[in-house]
Amino acid sequence: MDYKKSKAPVNTVTRNIMDLCDETGNIYESVVIISERANQISAQIKQDLKKKLDEFASYNDSLDEVFENREQIEISRYYEKLPKPTLLATQEFVDGNVYWREKDAAND
């Protein structure tokens, strides 16, 4: 997923709590769903960043290479400008793009 194309705000936005609990009927359940999705997004972003930065990995410890690698700096700046995973997850939840299901009490 291209997170830069997301409609999620980069800064924190004040939201009406009642809008978040419309789909679940319970604000706490909504927060749990959003937090689980934020954890998934965070892990995916971390994996993507690690994969991209591994291309630049050198096993020689040279300070000159660290400071002169423009591509690595640009990749890091790109990921720094992305919205936080919680903001992305909240926007997905509000837009109705998050699927969840309740666990069956008998199978716990």
PDB file of N, CA and C in Angstrom:
ATOM      1  N   MET A   1       0.843  -1.181   0.000  1.00  0.00           N
ATOM      2  CA  MET A   1       0.000   0.000   0.000  1.00  0.00           C
ATOM      3  C   MET A   1       0.886   1.241   0.000  1.00  0.00           C
ATOM      4  N   ASP A   2       0.512   2.197  -0.796  1.00  0.00           N
ATOM      5  CA  ASP A   2       1.262   3.453  -0.837  1.00  0.00           C
ATOM      6  C   ASP A   2       0.651   4.401   0.194  1.00  0.00           C
ATOM      7  N   TYR A   3       1.339   4.549   1.297  1.00  0.00           N
ATOM      8  CA  TYR A   3       0.815   5.341   2.406  1.00  0.00           C
ATOM      9  C   TYR A   3       0.826   6.831   2.109  1.00  0.00           C
ATOM     10  N   LYS A   4       1.629   7.253   1.163  1.00  0.00           N
ATOM     11  CA  LYS A   4       1.687   8.675   0.815  1.00  0.00           C
ATOM     12  C   LYS A   4       0.390   9.114   0.127  1.00  0.00           C
ATOM     13  N   LYS A   5      -0.286   8.187  -0.542  1.00  0.00           N
ATOM     14  CA  LYS A   5      -1.538   8.509  -1.235  1.00  0.00           C
ATOM     15  C   LYS A   5      -2.751   8.462  -0.315  1.00  0.00           C
ATOM     16  N   SER A   6      -2.527   8.100   0.936  1.00  0.00           N
ATOM     17  CA  SER A   6      -3.621   8.030   1.902  1.00  0.00           C
ATOM     18  C   SER A   6      -4.148   9.432   2.201  1.00  0.00           C
ATOM     19  N   LYS A   7      -5.420   9.491   2.549  1.00  0.00           N
ATOM     20  CA  LYS A   7      -6.032  10.769   2.911  1.00  0.00           C
ATOM     21  C   LYS A   7      -5.833  11.094   4.392  1.00  0.00           C
ATOM     22  N   ALA A   8      -5.038  10.305   5.061  1.00  0.00           N
ATOM     23  CA  ALA A   8      -4.819  10.513   6.491  1.00  0.00           C
ATOM     24  C   ALA A   8      -4.052  11.804   6.730  1.00  0.00           C
ATOM     25  N   PRO A   9      -4.434  12.539   7.759  1.00  0.00           N
ATOM     26  CA  PRO A   9      -3.719  13.785   8.068  1.00  0.00           C
ATOM     27  C   PRO A   9      -2.327  13.487   8.632  1.00  0.00           C
ATOM     28  N   VAL A  10      -1.416  14.403   8.431  1.00  0.00           N
ATOM     29  CA  VAL A  10      -0.058  14.248   8.951  1.00  0.00           C
ATOM     30  C   VAL A  10      -0.004  14.646  10.422  1.00  0.00           C
ATOM     31  N   ASN A  11      -0.846  15.570  10.816  1.00  0.00           N
ATOM     32  CA  ASN A  11      -0.898  16.026  12.204  1.00  0.00           C
ATOM     33  C   ASN A  11      -2.117  15.454  12.906  1.00  0.00           C
ATOM     34  N   THR A  12      -2.118  15.536  14.206  1.00  0.00           N
ATOM     35  CA  THR A  12      -3.220  15.031  15.007  1.00  0.00           C
ATOM     36  C   THR A  12      -4.492  15.820  14.730  1.00  0.00           C
ATOM     37  N   VAL A  13      -5.600  15.104  14.656  1.00  0.00           N
ATOM     38  CA  VAL A  13      -6.896  15.721  14.385  1.00  0.00           C
ATOM     39  C   VAL A  13      -7.842  15.383  15.528  1.00  0.00           C
ATOM     40  N   THR A  14      -8.584  16.359  15.991  1.00  0.00           N
ATOM     41  CA  THR A  14      -9.585  16.121  17.019  1.00  0.00           C
ATOM     42  C   THR A  14     -10.802  15.482  16.362  1.00  0.00           C
ATOM     43  N   ARG A  15     -11.248  14.371  16.917  1.00  0.00           N
ATOM     44  CA  ARG A  15     -12.382  13.647  16.337  1.00  0.00           C
ATOM     45  C   ARG A  15     -13.499  13.523  17.367  1.00  0.00           C
ATOM     46  N   ASN A  16     -14.695  13.401  16.873  1.00  0.00           N
ATOM     47  CA  ASN A  16     -15.843  13.164  17.724  1.00  0.00           C
ATOM     48  C   ASN A  16     -15.853  11.684  18.101  1.00  0.00           C
ATOM     49  N   ILE A  17     -15.852  11.394  19.366  1.00  0.00           N
ATOM     50  CA  ILE A  17     -15.800  10.014  19.835  1.00  0.00           C
ATOM     51  C   ILE A  17     -17.014   9.220  19.356  1.00  0.00           C
ATOM     52  N   MET A  18     -18.149   9.862  19.299  1.00  0.00           N
ATOM     53  CA  MET A  18     -19.366   9.161  18.898  1.00  0.00           C
ATOM     54  C   MET A  18     -19.303   8.705  17.443  1.00  0.00           C
ATOM     55  N   ASP A  19     -18.533   9.419  16.608  1.00  0.00           N
ATOM     56  CA  ASP A  19     -18.375   8.984  15.218  1.00  0.00           C
ATOM     57  C   ASP A  19     -17.552   7.705  15.130  1.00  0.00           C
ATOM     58  N   LEU A  20     -16.620   7.526  16.051  1.00  0.00           N
ATOM     59  CA  LEU A  20     -15.779   6.333  16.030  1.00  0.00           C
ATOM     60  C   LEU A  20     -16.518   5.083  16.501  1.00  0.00           C
ATOM     61  N   CYS A  21     -17.534   5.258  17.331  1.00  0.00           N
ATOM     62  CA  CYS A  21     -18.229   4.073  17.837  1.00  0.00           C
ATOM     63  C   CYS A  21     -19.508   3.765  17.060  1.00  0.00           C
ATOM     64  N   ASP A  22     -19.744   4.445  15.939  1.00  0.00           N
ATOM     65  CA  ASP A  22     -20.943   4.182  15.142  1.00  0.00           C
ATOM     66  C   ASP A  22     -20.992   2.740  14.632  1.00  0.00           C
ATOM     67  N   GLU A  23     -19.885   2.233  14.117  1.00  0.00           N
ATOM     68  CA  GLU A  23     -19.891   0.907  13.507  1.00  0.00           C
ATOM     69  C   GLU A  23     -19.883  -0.225  14.526  1.00  0.00           C
ATOM     70  N   THR A  24     -19.206  -0.029  15.651  1.00  0.00           N
ATOM     71  CA  THR A  24     -19.096  -1.104  16.628  1.00  0.00           C
ATOM     72  C   THR A  24     -20.094  -0.968  17.767  1.00  0.00           C
ATOM     73  N   GLY A  25     -20.532   0.244  18.045  1.00  0.00           N
ATOM     74  CA  GLY A  25     -21.435   0.471  19.160  1.00  0.00           C
ATOM     75  C   GLY A  25     -20.702   0.604  20.490  1.00  0.00           C
ATOM     76  N   ASN A  26     -19.394   0.525  20.469  1.00  0.00           N
ATOM     77  CA  ASN A  26     -18.604   0.574  21.693  1.00  0.00           C
ATOM     78  C   ASN A  26     -17.286   1.285  21.369  1.00  0.00           C
ATOM     79  N   ILE A  27     -17.008   2.367  22.054  1.00  0.00           N
ATOM     80  CA  ILE A  27     -15.797   3.145  21.773  1.00  0.00           C
ATOM     81  C   ILE A  27     -14.547   2.336  22.067  1.00  0.00           C
ATOM     82  N   TYR A  28     -14.574   1.512  23.098  1.00  0.00           N
ATOM     83  CA  TYR A  28     -13.403   0.727  23.472  1.00  0.00           C
ATOM     84  C   TYR A  28     -13.090  -0.323  22.409  1.00  0.00           C
ATOM     85  N   GLU A  29     -14.112  -0.922  21.875  1.00  0.00           N
ATOM     86  CA  GLU A  29     -13.915  -1.897  20.805  1.00  0.00           C
ATOM     87  C   GLU A  29     -13.339  -1.209  19.562  1.00  0.00           C
ATOM     88  N   SER A  30     -13.821  -0.025  19.269  1.00  0.00           N
ATOM     89  CA  SER A  30     -13.297   0.729  18.131  1.00  0.00           C
ATOM     90  C   SER A  30     -11.823   1.067  18.322  1.00  0.00           C
ATOM     91  N   VAL A  31     -11.468   1.466  19.531  1.00  0.00           N
ATOM     92  CA  VAL A  31     -10.069   1.805  19.820  1.00  0.00           C
ATOM     93  C   VAL A  31      -9.180   0.575  19.687  1.00  0.00           C
ATOM     94  N   VAL A  32      -9.656  -0.578  20.136  1.00  0.00           N
ATOM     95  CA  VAL A  32      -8.875  -1.810  20.009  1.00  0.00           C
ATOM     96  C   VAL A  32      -8.680  -2.156  18.535  1.00  0.00           C
ATOM     97  N   ILE A  33      -9.713  -2.028  17.735  1.00  0.00           N
ATOM     98  CA  ILE A  33      -9.615  -2.320  16.305  1.00  0.00           C
ATOM     99  C   ILE A  33      -8.619  -1.379  15.641  1.00  0.00           C
ATOM    100  N   ILE A  34      -8.702  -0.102  15.967  1.00  0.00           N
ATOM    101  CA  ILE A  34      -7.779   0.886  15.392  1.00  0.00           C
ATOM    102  C   ILE A  34      -6.352   0.603  15.837  1.00  0.00           C
ATOM    103  N   SER A  35      -6.163   0.242  17.098  1.00  0.00           N
ATOM    104  CA  SER A  35      -4.801  -0.009  17.583  1.00  0.00           C
ATOM    105  C   SER A  35      -4.201  -1.263  16.950  1.00  0.00           C
ATOM    106  N   GLU A  36      -5.012  -2.286  16.760  1.00  0.00           N
ATOM    107  CA  GLU A  36      -4.516  -3.493  16.091  1.00  0.00           C
ATOM    108  C   GLU A  36      -4.116  -3.190  14.649  1.00  0.00           C
ATOM    109  N   ARG A  37      -4.934  -2.407  13.960  1.00  0.00           N
ATOM    110  CA  ARG A  37      -4.608  -2.033  12.581  1.00  0.00           C
ATOM    111  C   ARG A  37      -3.356  -1.155  12.547  1.00  0.00           C
ATOM    112  N   ALA A  38      -3.205  -0.266  13.515  1.00  0.00           N
ATOM    113  CA  ALA A  38      -2.013   0.582  13.582  1.00  0.00           C
ATOM    114  C   ALA A  38      -0.757  -0.269  13.788  1.00  0.00           C
ATOM    115  N   ASN A  39      -0.862  -1.308  14.595  1.00  0.00           N
ATOM    116  CA  ASN A  39       0.274  -2.217  14.789  1.00  0.00           C
ATOM    117  C   ASN A  39       0.628  -2.928  13.488  1.00  0.00           C
ATOM    118  N   GLN A  40      -0.375  -3.345  12.721  1.00  0.00           N
ATOM    119  CA  GLN A  40      -0.128  -3.992  11.432  1.00  0.00           C
ATOM    120  C   GLN A  40       0.550  -3.028  10.462  1.00  0.00           C
ATOM    121  N   ILE A  41       0.052  -1.806  10.409  1.00  0.00           N
ATOM    122  CA  ILE A  41       0.630  -0.800   9.510  1.00  0.00           C
ATOM    123  C   ILE A  41       2.063  -0.498   9.911  1.00  0.00           C
ATOM    124  N   SER A  42       2.300  -0.345  11.196  1.00  0.00           N
ATOM    125  CA  SER A  42       3.640  -0.053  11.701  1.00  0.00           C
ATOM    126  C   SER A  42       4.619  -1.165  11.329  1.00  0.00           C
ATOM    127  N   ALA A  43       4.208  -2.396  11.497  1.00  0.00           N
ATOM    128  CA  ALA A  43       5.078  -3.528  11.151  1.00  0.00           C
ATOM    129  C   ALA A  43       5.361  -3.559   9.653  1.00  0.00           C
ATOM    130  N   GLN A  44       4.346  -3.245   8.851  1.00  0.00           N
ATOM    131  CA  GLN A  44       4.533  -3.251   7.402  1.00  0.00           C
ATOM    132  C   GLN A  44       5.467  -2.118   6.960  1.00  0.00           C
ATOM    133  N   ILE A  45       5.307  -0.938   7.534  1.00  0.00           N
ATOM    134  CA  ILE A  45       6.186   0.182   7.205  1.00  0.00           C
ATOM    135  C   ILE A  45       7.623  -0.135   7.621  1.00  0.00           C
ATOM    136  N   LYS A  46       7.774  -0.715   8.797  1.00  0.00           N
ATOM    137  CA  LYS A  46       9.104  -1.063   9.286  1.00  0.00           C
ATOM    138  C   LYS A  46       9.764  -2.091   8.371  1.00  0.00           C
ATOM    139  N   GLN A  47       8.997  -3.069   7.921  1.00  0.00           N
ATOM    140  CA  GLN A  47       9.522  -4.088   7.021  1.00  0.00           C
ATOM    141  C   GLN A  47       9.922  -3.473   5.676  1.00  0.00           C
ATOM    142  N   ASP A  48       9.092  -2.585   5.140  1.00  0.00           N
ATOM    143  CA  ASP A  48       9.409  -1.919   3.873  1.00  0.00           C
ATOM    144  C   ASP A  48      10.664  -1.072   4.000  1.00  0.00           C
ATOM    145  N   LEU A  49      10.772  -0.321   5.080  1.00  0.00           N
ATOM    146  CA  LEU A  49      11.943   0.525   5.300  1.00  0.00           C
ATOM    147  C   LEU A  49      13.206  -0.314   5.440  1.00  0.00           C
ATOM    148  N   LYS A  50      13.116  -1.390   6.192  1.00  0.00           N
ATOM    149  CA  LYS A  50      14.275  -2.256   6.373  1.00  0.00           C
ATOM    150  C   LYS A  50      14.709  -2.864   5.046  1.00  0.00           C
ATOM    151  N   LYS A  51      13.755  -3.277   4.233  1.00  0.00           N
ATOM    152  CA  LYS A  51      14.083  -3.866   2.938  1.00  0.00           C
ATOM    153  C   LYS A  51      14.781  -2.847   2.041  1.00  0.00           C
ATOM    154  N   LYS A  52      14.300  -1.608   2.050  1.00  0.00           N
ATOM    155  CA  LYS A  52      14.923  -0.576   1.219  1.00  0.00           C
ATOM    156  C   LYS A  52      16.292  -0.174   1.724  1.00  0.00           C
ATOM    157  N   LEU A  53      16.461  -0.112   3.030  1.00  0.00           N
ATOM    158  CA  LEU A  53      17.754   0.284   3.593  1.00  0.00           C
ATOM    159  C   LEU A  53      18.785  -0.836   3.524  1.00  0.00           C
ATOM    160  N   ASP A  54      18.323  -2.098   3.453  1.00  0.00           N
ATOM    161  CA  ASP A  54      19.257  -3.213   3.313  1.00  0.00           C
ATOM    162  C   ASP A  54      20.007  -3.161   1.986  1.00  0.00           C
ATOM    163  N   GLU A  55      19.426  -2.513   0.993  1.00  0.00           N
ATOM    164  CA  GLU A  55      20.108  -2.371  -0.292  1.00  0.00           C
ATOM    165  C   GLU A  55      21.371  -1.528  -0.148  1.00  0.00           C
ATOM    166  N   PHE A  56      21.390  -0.643   0.832  1.00  0.00           N
ATOM    167  CA  PHE A  56      22.527   0.247   1.039  1.00  0.00           C
ATOM    168  C   PHE A  56      23.476  -0.254   2.115  1.00  0.00           C
ATOM    169  N   ALA A  57      23.186  -1.405   2.673  1.00  0.00           N
ATOM    170  CA  ALA A  57      24.003  -1.912   3.773  1.00  0.00           C
ATOM    171  C   ALA A  57      25.397  -2.246   3.269  1.00  0.00           C
ATOM    172  N   SER A  58      26.361  -1.738   3.970  1.00  0.00           N
ATOM    173  CA  SER A  58      27.743  -2.101   3.678  1.00  0.00           C
ATOM    174  C   SER A  58      28.334  -2.670   4.953  1.00  0.00           C
ATOM    175  N   TYR A  59      29.173  -3.614   4.773  1.00  0.00           N
ATOM    176  CA  TYR A  59      29.742  -4.260   5.939  1.00  0.00           C
ATOM    177  C   TYR A  59      31.070  -3.628   6.334  1.00  0.00           C
ATOM    178  N   ASN A  60      31.424  -2.554   5.645  1.00  0.00           N
ATOM    179  CA  ASN A  60      32.598  -1.774   6.020  1.00  0.00           C
ATOM    180  C   ASN A  60      32.105  -0.582   6.825  1.00  0.00           C
ATOM    181  N   ASP A  61      32.629  -0.400   7.989  1.00  0.00           N
ATOM    182  CA  ASP A  61      32.236   0.734   8.813  1.00  0.00           C
ATOM    183  C   ASP A  61      33.073   1.947   8.438  1.00  0.00           C
ATOM    184  N   SER A  62      32.521   2.733   7.550  1.00  0.00           N
ATOM    185  CA  SER A  62      33.216   3.936   7.111  1.00  0.00           C
ATOM    186  C   SER A  62      32.280   5.116   7.292  1.00  0.00           C
ATOM    187  N   LEU A  63      32.708   6.120   8.020  1.00  0.00           N
ATOM    188  CA  LEU A  63      31.866   7.282   8.274  1.00  0.00           C
ATOM    189  C   LEU A  63      31.613   8.084   7.011  1.00  0.00           C
ATOM    190  N   ASP A  64      32.536   8.065   6.068  1.00  0.00           N
ATOM    191  CA  ASP A  64      32.362   8.813   4.821  1.00  0.00           C
ATOM    192  C   ASP A  64      31.145   8.325   4.049  1.00  0.00           C
ATOM    193  N   GLU A  65      30.937   7.004   4.010  1.00  0.00           N
ATOM    194  CA  GLU A  65      29.810   6.450   3.267  1.00  0.00           C
ATOM    195  C   GLU A  65      28.481   6.790   3.931  1.00  0.00           C
ATOM    196  N   VAL A  66      28.456   6.858   5.233  1.00  0.00           N
ATOM    197  CA  VAL A  66      27.212   7.128   5.954  1.00  0.00           C
ATOM    198  C   VAL A  66      26.710   8.536   5.644  1.00  0.00           C
ATOM    199  N   PHE A  67      27.598   9.498   5.610  1.00  0.00           N
ATOM    200  CA  PHE A  67      27.198  10.878   5.419  1.00  0.00           C
ATOM    201  C   PHE A  67      26.983  11.249   3.957  1.00  0.00           C
ATOM    202  N   GLU A  68      27.526  10.485   3.022  1.00  0.00           N
ATOM    203  CA  GLU A  68      27.451  10.855   1.617  1.00  0.00           C
ATOM    204  C   GLU A  68      26.385  10.088   0.853  1.00  0.00           C
ATOM    205  N   ASN A  69      25.664   9.199   1.480  1.00  0.00           N
ATOM    206  CA  ASN A  69      24.697   8.390   0.769  1.00  0.00           C
ATOM    207  C   ASN A  69      23.366   9.137   0.673  1.00  0.00           C
ATOM    208  N   ARG A  70      23.182   9.868  -0.400  1.00  0.00           N
ATOM    209  CA  ARG A  70      21.989  10.701  -0.592  1.00  0.00           C
ATOM    210  C   ARG A  70      20.717   9.872  -0.744  1.00  0.00           C
ATOM    211  N   GLU A  71      20.803   8.740  -1.431  1.00  0.00           N
ATOM    212  CA  GLU A  71      19.608   7.908  -1.634  1.00  0.00           C
ATOM    213  C   GLU A  71      19.048   7.417  -0.309  1.00  0.00           C
ATOM    214  N   GLN A  72      19.930   7.024   0.579  1.00  0.00           N
ATOM    215  CA  GLN A  72      19.496   6.549   1.893  1.00  0.00           C
ATOM    216  C   GLN A  72      18.856   7.676   2.691  1.00  0.00           C
ATOM    217  N   ILE A  73      19.406   8.868   2.583  1.00  0.00           N
ATOM    218  CA  ILE A  73      18.846  10.021   3.281  1.00  0.00           C
ATOM    219  C   ILE A  73      17.468  10.356   2.730  1.00  0.00           C
ATOM    220  N   GLU A  74      17.298  10.276   1.415  1.00  0.00           N
ATOM    221  CA  GLU A  74      15.992  10.566   0.804  1.00  0.00           C
ATOM    222  C   GLU A  74      14.944   9.538   1.219  1.00  0.00           C
ATOM    223  N   ILE A  75      15.329   8.280   1.296  1.00  0.00           N
ATOM    224  CA  ILE A  75      14.396   7.238   1.736  1.00  0.00           C
ATOM    225  C   ILE A  75      13.968   7.495   3.178  1.00  0.00           C
ATOM    226  N   SER A  76      14.918   7.859   4.017  1.00  0.00           N
ATOM    227  CA  SER A  76      14.595   8.145   5.419  1.00  0.00           C
ATOM    228  C   SER A  76      13.667   9.348   5.539  1.00  0.00           C
ATOM    229  N   ARG A  77      13.909  10.369   4.751  1.00  0.00           N
ATOM    230  CA  ARG A  77      13.038  11.554   4.779  1.00  0.00           C
ATOM    231  C   ARG A  77      11.626  11.212   4.310  1.00  0.00           C
ATOM    232  N   TYR A  78      11.527  10.366   3.300  1.00  0.00           N
ATOM    233  CA  TYR A  78      10.209   9.949   2.813  1.00  0.00           C
ATOM    234  C   TYR A  78       9.412   9.295   3.938  1.00  0.00           C
ATOM    235  N   TYR A  79      10.041   8.380   4.671  1.00  0.00           N
ATOM    236  CA  TYR A  79       9.335   7.676   5.732  1.00  0.00           C
ATOM    237  C   TYR A  79       9.066   8.575   6.937  1.00  0.00           C
ATOM    238  N   GLU A  80       9.894   9.583   7.157  1.00  0.00           N
ATOM    239  CA  GLU A  80       9.643  10.527   8.243  1.00  0.00           C
ATOM    240  C   GLU A  80       8.435  11.405   7.964  1.00  0.00           C
ATOM    241  N   LYS A  81       8.155  11.678   6.704  1.00  0.00           N
ATOM    242  CA  LYS A  81       7.040  12.550   6.334  1.00  0.00           C
ATOM    243  C   LYS A  81       5.702  11.817   6.274  1.00  0.00           C
ATOM    244  N   LEU A  82       5.724  10.507   6.349  1.00  0.00           N
ATOM    245  CA  LEU A  82       4.479   9.747   6.320  1.00  0.00           C
ATOM    246  C   LEU A  82       3.650  10.020   7.572  1.00  0.00           C
ATOM    247  N   PRO A  83       2.325   9.921   7.453  1.00  0.00           N
ATOM    248  CA  PRO A  83       1.493  10.020   8.660  1.00  0.00           C
ATOM    249  C   PRO A  83       1.793   8.859   9.608  1.00  0.00           C
ATOM    250  N   LYS A  84       1.592   9.082  10.877  1.00  0.00           N
ATOM    251  CA  LYS A  84       1.826   8.041  11.877  1.00  0.00           C
ATOM    252  C   LYS A  84       0.842   6.887  11.652  1.00  0.00           C
ATOM    253  N   PRO A  85       1.244   5.663  12.017  1.00  0.00           N
ATOM    254  CA  PRO A  85       0.364   4.506  11.821  1.00  0.00           C
ATOM    255  C   PRO A  85      -1.002   4.649  12.499  1.00  0.00           C
ATOM    256  N   THR A  86      -1.056   5.304  13.652  1.00  0.00           N
ATOM    257  CA  THR A  86      -2.349   5.479  14.320  1.00  0.00           C
ATOM    258  C   THR A  86      -3.272   6.386  13.502  1.00  0.00           C
ATOM    259  N   LEU A  87      -2.707   7.411  12.880  1.00  0.00           N
ATOM    260  CA  LEU A  87      -3.522   8.292  12.038  1.00  0.00           C
ATOM    261  C   LEU A  87      -3.988   7.568  10.779  1.00  0.00           C
ATOM    262  N   LEU A  88      -3.120   6.744  10.197  1.00  0.00           N
ATOM    263  CA  LEU A  88      -3.506   5.964   9.028  1.00  0.00           C
ATOM    264  C   LEU A  88      -4.617   4.971   9.386  1.00  0.00           C
ATOM    265  N   ALA A  89      -4.463   4.286  10.517  1.00  0.00           N
ATOM    266  CA  ALA A  89      -5.460   3.302  10.936  1.00  0.00           C
ATOM    267  C   ALA A  89      -6.796   3.960  11.262  1.00  0.00           C
ATOM    268  N   THR A  90      -6.754   5.107  11.904  1.00  0.00           N
ATOM    269  CA  THR A  90      -7.992   5.815  12.227  1.00  0.00           C
ATOM    270  C   THR A  90      -8.706   6.253  10.961  1.00  0.00           C
ATOM    271  N   GLN A  91      -7.958   6.756   9.993  1.00  0.00           N
ATOM    272  CA  GLN A  91      -8.573   7.178   8.739  1.00  0.00           C
ATOM    273  C   GLN A  91      -9.181   5.989   7.997  1.00  0.00           C
ATOM    274  N   GLU A  92      -8.475   4.856   7.993  1.00  0.00           N
ATOM    275  CA  GLU A  92      -9.022   3.651   7.371  1.00  0.00           C
ATOM    276  C   GLU A  92     -10.309   3.217   8.069  1.00  0.00           C
ATOM    277  N   PHE A  93     -10.331   3.297   9.396  1.00  0.00           N
ATOM    278  CA  PHE A  93     -11.512   2.901  10.155  1.00  0.00           C
ATOM    279  C   PHE A  93     -12.688   3.822   9.852  1.00  0.00           C
ATOM    280  N   VAL A  94     -12.429   5.116   9.805  1.00  0.00           N
ATOM    281  CA  VAL A  94     -13.499   6.090   9.529  1.00  0.00           C
ATOM    282  C   VAL A  94     -14.037   5.904   8.107  1.00  0.00           C
ATOM    283  N   ASP A  95     -13.148   5.597   7.166  1.00  0.00           N
ATOM    284  CA  ASP A  95     -13.559   5.395   5.774  1.00  0.00           C
ATOM    285  C   ASP A  95     -14.237   4.052   5.551  1.00  0.00           C
ATOM    286  N   GLY A  96     -14.188   3.165   6.549  1.00  0.00           N
ATOM    287  CA  GLY A  96     -14.810   1.849   6.415  1.00  0.00           C
ATOM    288  C   GLY A  96     -13.946   0.854   5.668  1.00  0.00           C
ATOM    289  N   ASN A  97     -12.642   1.052   5.663  1.00  0.00           N
ATOM    290  CA  ASN A  97     -11.734   0.165   4.942  1.00  0.00           C
ATOM    291  C   ASN A  97     -11.072  -0.877   5.830  1.00  0.00           C
ATOM    292  N   VAL A  98     -11.535  -1.023   7.064  1.00  0.00           N
ATOM    293  CA  VAL A  98     -10.960  -1.998   7.984  1.00  0.00           C
ATOM    294  C   VAL A  98     -11.973  -3.111   8.185  1.00  0.00           C
ATOM    295  N   TYR A  99     -11.499  -4.348   8.018  1.00  0.00           N
ATOM    296  CA  TYR A  99     -12.345  -5.512   8.259  1.00  0.00           C
ATOM    297  C   TYR A  99     -11.943  -6.122   9.597  1.00  0.00           C
ATOM    298  N   TRP A 100     -12.913  -6.474  10.413  1.00  0.00           N
ATOM    299  CA  TRP A 100     -12.648  -7.139  11.670  1.00  0.00           C
ATOM    300  C   TRP A 100     -13.772  -8.111  11.943  1.00  0.00           C
ATOM    301  N   ARG A 101     -13.486  -9.052  12.804  1.00  0.00           N
ATOM    302  CA  ARG A 101     -14.510 -10.005  13.238  1.00  0.00           C
ATOM    303  C   ARG A 101     -14.300 -10.280  14.708  1.00  0.00           C
ATOM    304  N   GLU A 102     -15.358 -10.587  15.374  1.00  0.00           N
ATOM    305  CA  GLU A 102     -15.290 -10.865  16.805  1.00  0.00           C
ATOM    306  C   GLU A 102     -14.886 -12.304  17.016  1.00  0.00           C
ATOM    307  N   LYS A 103     -14.082 -12.524  18.041  1.00  0.00           N
ATOM    308  CA  LYS A 103     -13.691 -13.889  18.380  1.00  0.00           C
ATOM    309  C   LYS A 103     -14.867 -14.615  19.012  1.00  0.00           C
ATOM    310  N   ASP A 104     -14.979 -15.867  18.722  1.00  0.00           N
ATOM    311  CA  ASP A 104     -16.023 -16.680  19.317  1.00  0.00           C
ATOM    312  C   ASP A 104     -15.614 -17.032  20.735  1.00  0.00           C
ATOM    313  N   ALA A 105     -16.493 -16.794  21.698  1.00  0.00           N
ATOM    314  CA  ALA A 105     -16.180 -17.029  23.111  1.00  0.00           C
ATOM    315  C   ALA A 105     -15.897 -18.510  23.386  1.00  0.00           C
ATOM    316  N   ALA A 106     -16.476 -19.406  22.619  1.00  0.00           N
ATOM    317  CA  ALA A 106     -16.275 -20.833  22.837  1.00  0.00           C
ATOM    318  C   ALA A 106     -14.887 -21.282  22.379  1.00  0.00           C
ATOM    319  N   ASN A 107     -14.278 -20.556  21.447  1.00  0.00           N
ATOM    320  CA  ASN A 107     -12.975 -20.945  20.904  1.00  0.00           C
ATOM    321  C   ASN A 107     -11.816 -20.280  21.619  1.00  0.00           C
ATOM    322  N   ASP A 108     -12.050 -19.436  22.609  1.00  0.00           N
ATOM    323  CA  ASP A 108     -10.958 -18.750  23.314  1.00  0.00           C
ATOM    324  C   ASP A 108     -10.201 -19.671  24.180  1.00  0.00           C
TER     325      ASP A 108
END
